[in-house]
């Protein structure tokens, strides 16, 4: 005699029923289209600091930065 309980669900009928709580944002792969601020201060920065800042300045996320994010 077979076990008791409901029959297994058909995998072809499975689908996600809950929607994403927050819609996604499509970011430009090339980074911001407009100008971005230079590293502030006029200090003699280390090359590693300049490289780090350039990575962030040209990243896709930088297109969503506000003025307070840069300062």
PDB file of N, CA and C in Angstrom:
ATOM      1  N   UNK A   1       0.846  -1.162   0.000  1.00  0.00           N
ATOM      2  CA  UNK A   1       0.000   0.000   0.000  1.00  0.00           C
ATOM      3  C   UNK A   1       0.902   1.239   0.000  1.00  0.00           C
ATOM      4  N   UNK A   2       0.566   2.213  -0.834  1.00  0.00           N
ATOM      5  CA  UNK A   2       1.348   3.445  -0.948  1.00  0.00           C
ATOM      6  C   UNK A   2       1.167   4.307   0.287  1.00  0.00           C
ATOM      7  N   UNK A   3       2.096   5.295   0.463  1.00  0.00           N
ATOM      8  CA  UNK A   3       2.009   6.208   1.593  1.00  0.00           C
ATOM      9  C   UNK A   3       0.811   7.122   1.490  1.00  0.00           C
ATOM     10  N   UNK A   4       0.482   7.754   2.573  1.00  0.00           N
ATOM     11  CA  UNK A   4      -0.657   8.663   2.583  1.00  0.00           C
ATOM     12  C   UNK A   4      -0.176  10.088   2.387  1.00  0.00           C
ATOM     13  N   UNK A   5      -1.044  10.943   2.020  1.00  0.00           N
ATOM     14  CA  UNK A   5      -0.705  12.345   1.831  1.00  0.00           C
ATOM     15  C   UNK A   5      -1.012  12.798   0.420  1.00  0.00           C
ATOM     16  N   UNK A   6      -0.790  14.072   0.156  1.00  0.00           N
ATOM     17  CA  UNK A   6      -1.112  14.602  -1.168  1.00  0.00           C
ATOM     18  C   UNK A   6      -0.114  14.098  -2.216  1.00  0.00           C
ATOM     19  N   UNK A   7      -0.559  14.114  -3.462  1.00  0.00           N
ATOM     20  CA  UNK A   7       0.310  13.747  -4.563  1.00  0.00           C
ATOM     21  C   UNK A   7       1.373  14.824  -4.763  1.00  0.00           C
ATOM     22  N   UNK A   8       2.556  14.460  -5.268  1.00  0.00           N
ATOM     23  CA  UNK A   8       3.579  15.476  -5.536  1.00  0.00           C
ATOM     24  C   UNK A   8       3.082  16.478  -6.579  1.00  0.00           C
ATOM     25  N   UNK A   9       3.539  17.716  -6.458  1.00  0.00           N
ATOM     26  CA  UNK A   9       3.142  18.750  -7.410  1.00  0.00           C
ATOM     27  C   UNK A   9       3.860  18.535  -8.734  1.00  0.00           C
ATOM     28  N   UNK A  10       3.182  18.878  -9.793  1.00  0.00           N
ATOM     29  CA  UNK A  10       3.752  18.764 -11.131  1.00  0.00           C
ATOM     30  C   UNK A  10       4.770  19.893 -11.321  1.00  0.00           C
ATOM     31  N   UNK A  11       6.064  19.587 -11.557  1.00  0.00           N
ATOM     32  CA  UNK A  11       7.078  20.642 -11.682  1.00  0.00           C
ATOM     33  C   UNK A  11       6.833  21.592 -12.844  1.00  0.00           C
ATOM     34  N   UNK A  12       6.116  21.157 -13.868  1.00  0.00           N
ATOM     35  CA  UNK A  12       5.864  22.044 -15.009  1.00  0.00           C
ATOM     36  C   UNK A  12       4.864  23.142 -14.662  1.00  0.00           C
ATOM     37  N   UNK A  13       4.157  23.009 -13.563  1.00  0.00           N
ATOM     38  CA  UNK A  13       3.163  23.995 -13.161  1.00  0.00           C
ATOM     39  C   UNK A  13       3.664  24.942 -12.079  1.00  0.00           C
ATOM     40  N   UNK A  14       4.955  24.824 -11.712  1.00  0.00           N
ATOM     41  CA  UNK A  14       5.491  25.669 -10.642  1.00  0.00           C
ATOM     42  C   UNK A  14       5.771  27.071 -11.162  1.00  0.00           C
ATOM     43  N   UNK A  15       5.491  28.053 -10.345  1.00  0.00           N
ATOM     44  CA  UNK A  15       5.828  29.428 -10.667  1.00  0.00           C
ATOM     45  C   UNK A  15       5.871  30.246  -9.384  1.00  0.00           C
ATOM     46  N   UNK A  16       6.613  31.297  -9.437  1.00  0.00           N
ATOM     47  CA  UNK A  16       6.752  32.178  -8.289  1.00  0.00           C
ATOM     48  C   UNK A  16       5.535  33.096  -8.220  1.00  0.00           C
ATOM     49  N   UNK A  17       4.916  33.172  -7.075  1.00  0.00           N
ATOM     50  CA  UNK A  17       3.703  33.973  -6.930  1.00  0.00           C
ATOM     51  C   UNK A  17       3.922  35.276  -6.156  1.00  0.00           C
ATOM     52  N   UNK A  18       5.054  35.418  -5.506  1.00  0.00           N
ATOM     53  CA  UNK A  18       5.291  36.659  -4.762  1.00  0.00           C
ATOM     54  C   UNK A  18       6.148  37.604  -5.605  1.00  0.00           C
ATOM     55  N   UNK A  19       5.764  38.838  -5.640  1.00  0.00           N
ATOM     56  CA  UNK A  19       6.480  39.845  -6.424  1.00  0.00           C
ATOM     57  C   UNK A  19       7.638  40.408  -5.620  1.00  0.00           C
ATOM     58  N   UNK A  20       8.624  40.961  -6.329  1.00  0.00           N
ATOM     59  CA  UNK A  20       9.730  41.615  -5.653  1.00  0.00           C
ATOM     60  C   UNK A  20       9.212  42.825  -4.874  1.00  0.00           C
ATOM     61  N   UNK A  21       9.702  42.991  -3.658  1.00  0.00           N
ATOM     62  CA  UNK A  21       9.255  44.105  -2.821  1.00  0.00           C
ATOM     63  C   UNK A  21       9.778  45.437  -3.347  1.00  0.00           C
ATOM     64  N   UNK A  22      10.973  45.434  -3.910  1.00  0.00           N
ATOM     65  CA  UNK A  22      11.587  46.657  -4.418  1.00  0.00           C
ATOM     66  C   UNK A  22      11.965  46.421  -5.880  1.00  0.00           C
ATOM     67  N   UNK A  23      11.519  47.273  -6.775  1.00  0.00           N
ATOM     68  CA  UNK A  23      11.890  47.077  -8.176  1.00  0.00           C
ATOM     69  C   UNK A  23      13.381  47.342  -8.383  1.00  0.00           C
ATOM     70  N   UNK A  24      13.972  46.675  -9.330  1.00  0.00           N
ATOM     71  CA  UNK A  24      15.391  46.844  -9.618  1.00  0.00           C
ATOM     72  C   UNK A  24      15.670  48.130 -10.375  1.00  0.00           C
ATOM     73  N   UNK A  25      16.923  48.516 -10.402  1.00  0.00           N
ATOM     74  CA  UNK A  25      17.354  49.701 -11.126  1.00  0.00           C
ATOM     75  C   UNK A  25      18.373  49.279 -12.169  1.00  0.00           C
ATOM     76  N   UNK A  26      18.171  49.676 -13.401  1.00  0.00           N
ATOM     77  CA  UNK A  26      19.102  49.370 -14.468  1.00  0.00           C
ATOM     78  C   UNK A  26      20.171  50.451 -14.505  1.00  0.00           C
ATOM     79  N   UNK A  27      21.425  50.057 -14.312  1.00  0.00           N
ATOM     80  CA  UNK A  27      22.529  51.006 -14.272  1.00  0.00           C
ATOM     81  C   UNK A  27      23.300  50.969 -15.582  1.00  0.00           C
ATOM     82  N   UNK A  28      23.817  52.119 -16.021  1.00  0.00           N
ATOM     83  CA  UNK A  28      24.612  52.137 -17.246  1.00  0.00           C
ATOM     84  C   UNK A  28      25.959  51.434 -17.021  1.00  0.00           C
ATOM     85  N   UNK A  29      26.306  50.510 -17.888  1.00  0.00           N
ATOM     86  CA  UNK A  29      27.536  49.724 -17.718  1.00  0.00           C
ATOM     87  C   UNK A  29      28.781  50.597 -17.775  1.00  0.00           C
ATOM     88  N   UNK A  30      28.716  51.693 -18.507  1.00  0.00           N
ATOM     89  CA  UNK A  30      29.883  52.556 -18.662  1.00  0.00           C
ATOM     90  C   UNK A  30      30.048  53.600 -17.575  1.00  0.00           C
ATOM     91  N   UNK A  31      29.215  53.588 -16.574  1.00  0.00           N
ATOM     92  CA  UNK A  31      29.297  54.594 -15.515  1.00  0.00           C
ATOM     93  C   UNK A  31      28.470  55.816 -15.849  1.00  0.00           C
ATOM     94  N   UNK A  32      28.630  56.880 -15.063  1.00  0.00           N
ATOM     95  CA  UNK A  32      27.826  58.087 -15.262  1.00  0.00           C
ATOM     96  C   UNK A  32      28.101  58.745 -16.613  1.00  0.00           C
ATOM     97  N   UNK A  33      27.065  59.294 -17.219  1.00  0.00           N
ATOM     98  CA  UNK A  33      27.208  59.955 -18.516  1.00  0.00           C
ATOM     99  C   UNK A  33      27.758  61.370 -18.372  1.00  0.00           C
ATOM    100  N   UNK A  34      27.450  62.012 -17.276  1.00  0.00           N
ATOM    101  CA  UNK A  34      27.874  63.393 -17.081  1.00  0.00           C
ATOM    102  C   UNK A  34      29.175  63.497 -16.301  1.00  0.00           C
ATOM    103  N   UNK A  35      29.562  64.715 -15.985  1.00  0.00           N
ATOM    104  CA  UNK A  35      30.809  64.912 -15.231  1.00  0.00           C
ATOM    105  C   UNK A  35      30.677  64.426 -13.788  1.00  0.00           C
ATOM    106  N   UNK A  36      31.782  63.998 -13.244  1.00  0.00           N
ATOM    107  CA  UNK A  36      31.843  63.580 -11.844  1.00  0.00           C
ATOM    108  C   UNK A  36      32.935  64.390 -11.159  1.00  0.00           C
ATOM    109  N   UNK A  37      32.812  64.617  -9.869  1.00  0.00           N
ATOM    110  CA  UNK A  37      33.789  65.462  -9.186  1.00  0.00           C
ATOM    111  C   UNK A  37      35.155  64.791  -9.062  1.00  0.00           C
ATOM    112  N   UNK A  38      36.172  65.627  -9.065  1.00  0.00           N
ATOM    113  CA  UNK A  38      37.529  65.142  -8.836  1.00  0.00           C
ATOM    114  C   UNK A  38      37.702  64.881  -7.345  1.00  0.00           C
ATOM    115  N   UNK A  39      38.720  64.153  -7.009  1.00  0.00           N
ATOM    116  CA  UNK A  39      39.009  63.882  -5.608  1.00  0.00           C
ATOM    117  C   UNK A  39      39.305  65.202  -4.908  1.00  0.00           C
ATOM    118  N   UNK A  40      38.575  65.508  -3.833  1.00  0.00           N
ATOM    119  CA  UNK A  40      38.705  66.824  -3.198  1.00  0.00           C
ATOM    120  C   UNK A  40      39.998  66.985  -2.405  1.00  0.00           C
ATOM    121  N   UNK A  41      40.353  68.215  -2.194  1.00  0.00           N
ATOM    122  CA  UNK A  41      41.396  68.523  -1.237  1.00  0.00           C
ATOM    123  C   UNK A  41      42.665  69.107  -1.786  1.00  0.00           C
ATOM    124  N   UNK A  42      43.115  68.724  -2.945  1.00  0.00           N
ATOM    125  CA  UNK A  42      44.381  69.217  -3.460  1.00  0.00           C
ATOM    126  C   UNK A  42      45.569  68.619  -2.730  1.00  0.00           C
ATOM    127  N   UNK A  43      45.372  67.449  -2.133  1.00  0.00           N
ATOM    128  CA  UNK A  43      46.454  66.774  -1.421  1.00  0.00           C
ATOM    129  C   UNK A  43      47.295  65.969  -2.398  1.00  0.00           C
ATOM    130  N   UNK A  44      48.456  65.574  -1.943  1.00  0.00           N
ATOM    131  CA  UNK A  44      49.301  64.687  -2.725  1.00  0.00           C
ATOM    132  C   UNK A  44      48.907  63.257  -2.357  1.00  0.00           C
ATOM    133  N   UNK A  45      47.871  62.732  -3.041  1.00  0.00           N
ATOM    134  CA  UNK A  45      47.341  61.417  -2.711  1.00  0.00           C
ATOM    135  C   UNK A  45      48.248  60.305  -3.225  1.00  0.00           C
ATOM    136  N   UNK A  46      48.227  59.200  -2.535  1.00  0.00           N
ATOM    137  CA  UNK A  46      48.934  58.000  -2.947  1.00  0.00           C
ATOM    138  C   UNK A  46      48.288  57.451  -4.223  1.00  0.00           C
ATOM    139  N   UNK A  47      49.051  56.771  -5.057  1.00  0.00           N
ATOM    140  CA  UNK A  47      48.509  56.226  -6.299  1.00  0.00           C
ATOM    141  C   UNK A  47      47.409  55.208  -6.037  1.00  0.00           C
ATOM    142  N   UNK A  48      47.465  54.502  -4.913  1.00  0.00           N
ATOM    143  CA  UNK A  48      46.413  53.537  -4.579  1.00  0.00           C
ATOM    144  C   UNK A  48      45.104  54.244  -4.283  1.00  0.00           C
ATOM    145  N   UNK A  49      45.178  55.404  -3.625  1.00  0.00           N
ATOM    146  CA  UNK A  49      43.981  56.192  -3.337  1.00  0.00           C
ATOM    147  C   UNK A  49      43.376  56.728  -4.630  1.00  0.00           C
ATOM    148  N   UNK A  50      44.220  57.223  -5.517  1.00  0.00           N
ATOM    149  CA  UNK A  50      43.742  57.739  -6.797  1.00  0.00           C
ATOM    150  C   UNK A  50      43.093  56.633  -7.626  1.00  0.00           C
ATOM    151  N   UNK A  51      43.673  55.452  -7.612  1.00  0.00           N
ATOM    152  CA  UNK A  51      43.110  54.312  -8.344  1.00  0.00           C
ATOM    153  C   UNK A  51      41.768  53.902  -7.753  1.00  0.00           C
ATOM    154  N   UNK A  52      41.674  53.866  -6.422  1.00  0.00           N
ATOM    155  CA  UNK A  52      40.424  53.519  -5.743  1.00  0.00           C
ATOM    156  C   UNK A  52      39.327  54.511  -6.107  1.00  0.00           C
ATOM    157  N   UNK A  53      39.654  55.818  -6.057  1.00  0.00           N
ATOM    158  CA  UNK A  53      38.653  56.838  -6.355  1.00  0.00           C
ATOM    159  C   UNK A  53      38.212  56.752  -7.814  1.00  0.00           C
ATOM    160  N   UNK A  54      39.133  56.507  -8.717  1.00  0.00           N
ATOM    161  CA  UNK A  54      38.796  56.389 -10.137  1.00  0.00           C
ATOM    162  C   UNK A  54      37.862  55.196 -10.376  1.00  0.00           C
ATOM    163  N   UNK A  55      38.087  54.114  -9.647  1.00  0.00           N
ATOM    164  CA  UNK A  55      37.213  52.943  -9.765  1.00  0.00           C
ATOM    165  C   UNK A  55      35.791  53.302  -9.370  1.00  0.00           C
ATOM    166  N   UNK A  56      35.628  54.007  -8.248  1.00  0.00           N
ATOM    167  CA  UNK A  56      34.287  54.407  -7.812  1.00  0.00           C
ATOM    168  C   UNK A  56      33.685  55.467  -8.722  1.00  0.00           C
ATOM    169  N   UNK A  57      34.491  56.419  -9.174  1.00  0.00           N
ATOM    170  CA  UNK A  57      34.008  57.528  -9.993  1.00  0.00           C
ATOM    171  C   UNK A  57      33.446  57.040 -11.323  1.00  0.00           C
ATOM    172  N   UNK A  58      33.996  55.967 -11.866  1.00  0.00           N
ATOM    173  CA  UNK A  58      33.567  55.466 -13.166  1.00  0.00           C
ATOM    174  C   UNK A  58      32.680  54.220 -13.067  1.00  0.00           C
ATOM    175  N   UNK A  59      32.306  53.831 -11.861  1.00  0.00           N
ATOM    176  CA  UNK A  59      31.487  52.627 -11.685  1.00  0.00           C
ATOM    177  C   UNK A  59      30.027  52.898 -12.055  1.00  0.00           C
ATOM    178  N   UNK A  60      29.276  51.865 -12.416  1.00  0.00           N
ATOM    179  CA  UNK A  60      27.848  52.052 -12.707  1.00  0.00           C
ATOM    180  C   UNK A  60      27.075  52.641 -11.522  1.00  0.00           C
ATOM    181  N   UNK A  61      27.459  52.297 -10.303  1.00  0.00           N
ATOM    182  CA  UNK A  61      26.759  52.820  -9.122  1.00  0.00           C
ATOM    183  C   UNK A  61      26.892  54.333  -9.013  1.00  0.00           C
ATOM    184  N   UNK A  62      27.972  54.899  -9.537  1.00  0.00           N
ATOM    185  CA  UNK A  62      28.198  56.338  -9.425  1.00  0.00           C
ATOM    186  C   UNK A  62      27.117  57.144 -10.136  1.00  0.00           C
ATOM    187  N   UNK A  63      26.426  56.549 -11.091  1.00  0.00           N
ATOM    188  CA  UNK A  63      25.358  57.266 -11.786  1.00  0.00           C
ATOM    189  C   UNK A  63      24.167  57.542 -10.878  1.00  0.00           C
ATOM    190  N   UNK A  64      24.085  56.868  -9.742  1.00  0.00           N
ATOM    191  CA  UNK A  64      22.982  57.095  -8.799  1.00  0.00           C
ATOM    192  C   UNK A  64      23.402  57.956  -7.610  1.00  0.00           C
ATOM    193  N   UNK A  65      24.675  58.344  -7.530  1.00  0.00           N
ATOM    194  CA  UNK A  65      25.165  59.133  -6.390  1.00  0.00           C
ATOM    195  C   UNK A  65      24.553  60.529  -6.385  1.00  0.00           C
ATOM    196  N   UNK A  66      24.244  61.010  -5.205  1.00  0.00           N
ATOM    197  CA  UNK A  66      23.790  62.374  -4.992  1.00  0.00           C
ATOM    198  C   UNK A  66      24.990  63.222  -4.585  1.00  0.00           C
ATOM    199  N   UNK A  67      24.802  64.531  -4.494  1.00  0.00           N
ATOM    200  CA  UNK A  67      25.900  65.422  -4.092  1.00  0.00           C
ATOM    201  C   UNK A  67      26.460  65.035  -2.718  1.00  0.00           C
ATOM    202  N   UNK A  68      25.605  64.600  -1.825  1.00  0.00           N
ATOM    203  CA  UNK A  68      26.076  64.212  -0.485  1.00  0.00           C
ATOM    204  C   UNK A  68      26.875  62.921  -0.514  1.00  0.00           C
ATOM    205  N   UNK A  69      26.698  62.092  -1.515  1.00  0.00           N
ATOM    206  CA  UNK A  69      27.492  60.864  -1.629  1.00  0.00           C
ATOM    207  C   UNK A  69      28.920  61.158  -2.056  1.00  0.00           C
ATOM    208  N   UNK A  70      29.099  62.213  -2.820  1.00  0.00           N
ATOM    209  CA  UNK A  70      30.435  62.560  -3.294  1.00  0.00           C
ATOM    210  C   UNK A  70      31.247  63.314  -2.244  1.00  0.00           C
ATOM    211  N   UNK A  71      30.595  64.052  -1.377  1.00  0.00           N
ATOM    212  CA  UNK A  71      31.309  64.935  -0.446  1.00  0.00           C
ATOM    213  C   UNK A  71      31.657  64.370   0.832  1.00  0.00           C
TER     214      UNK A  71
END
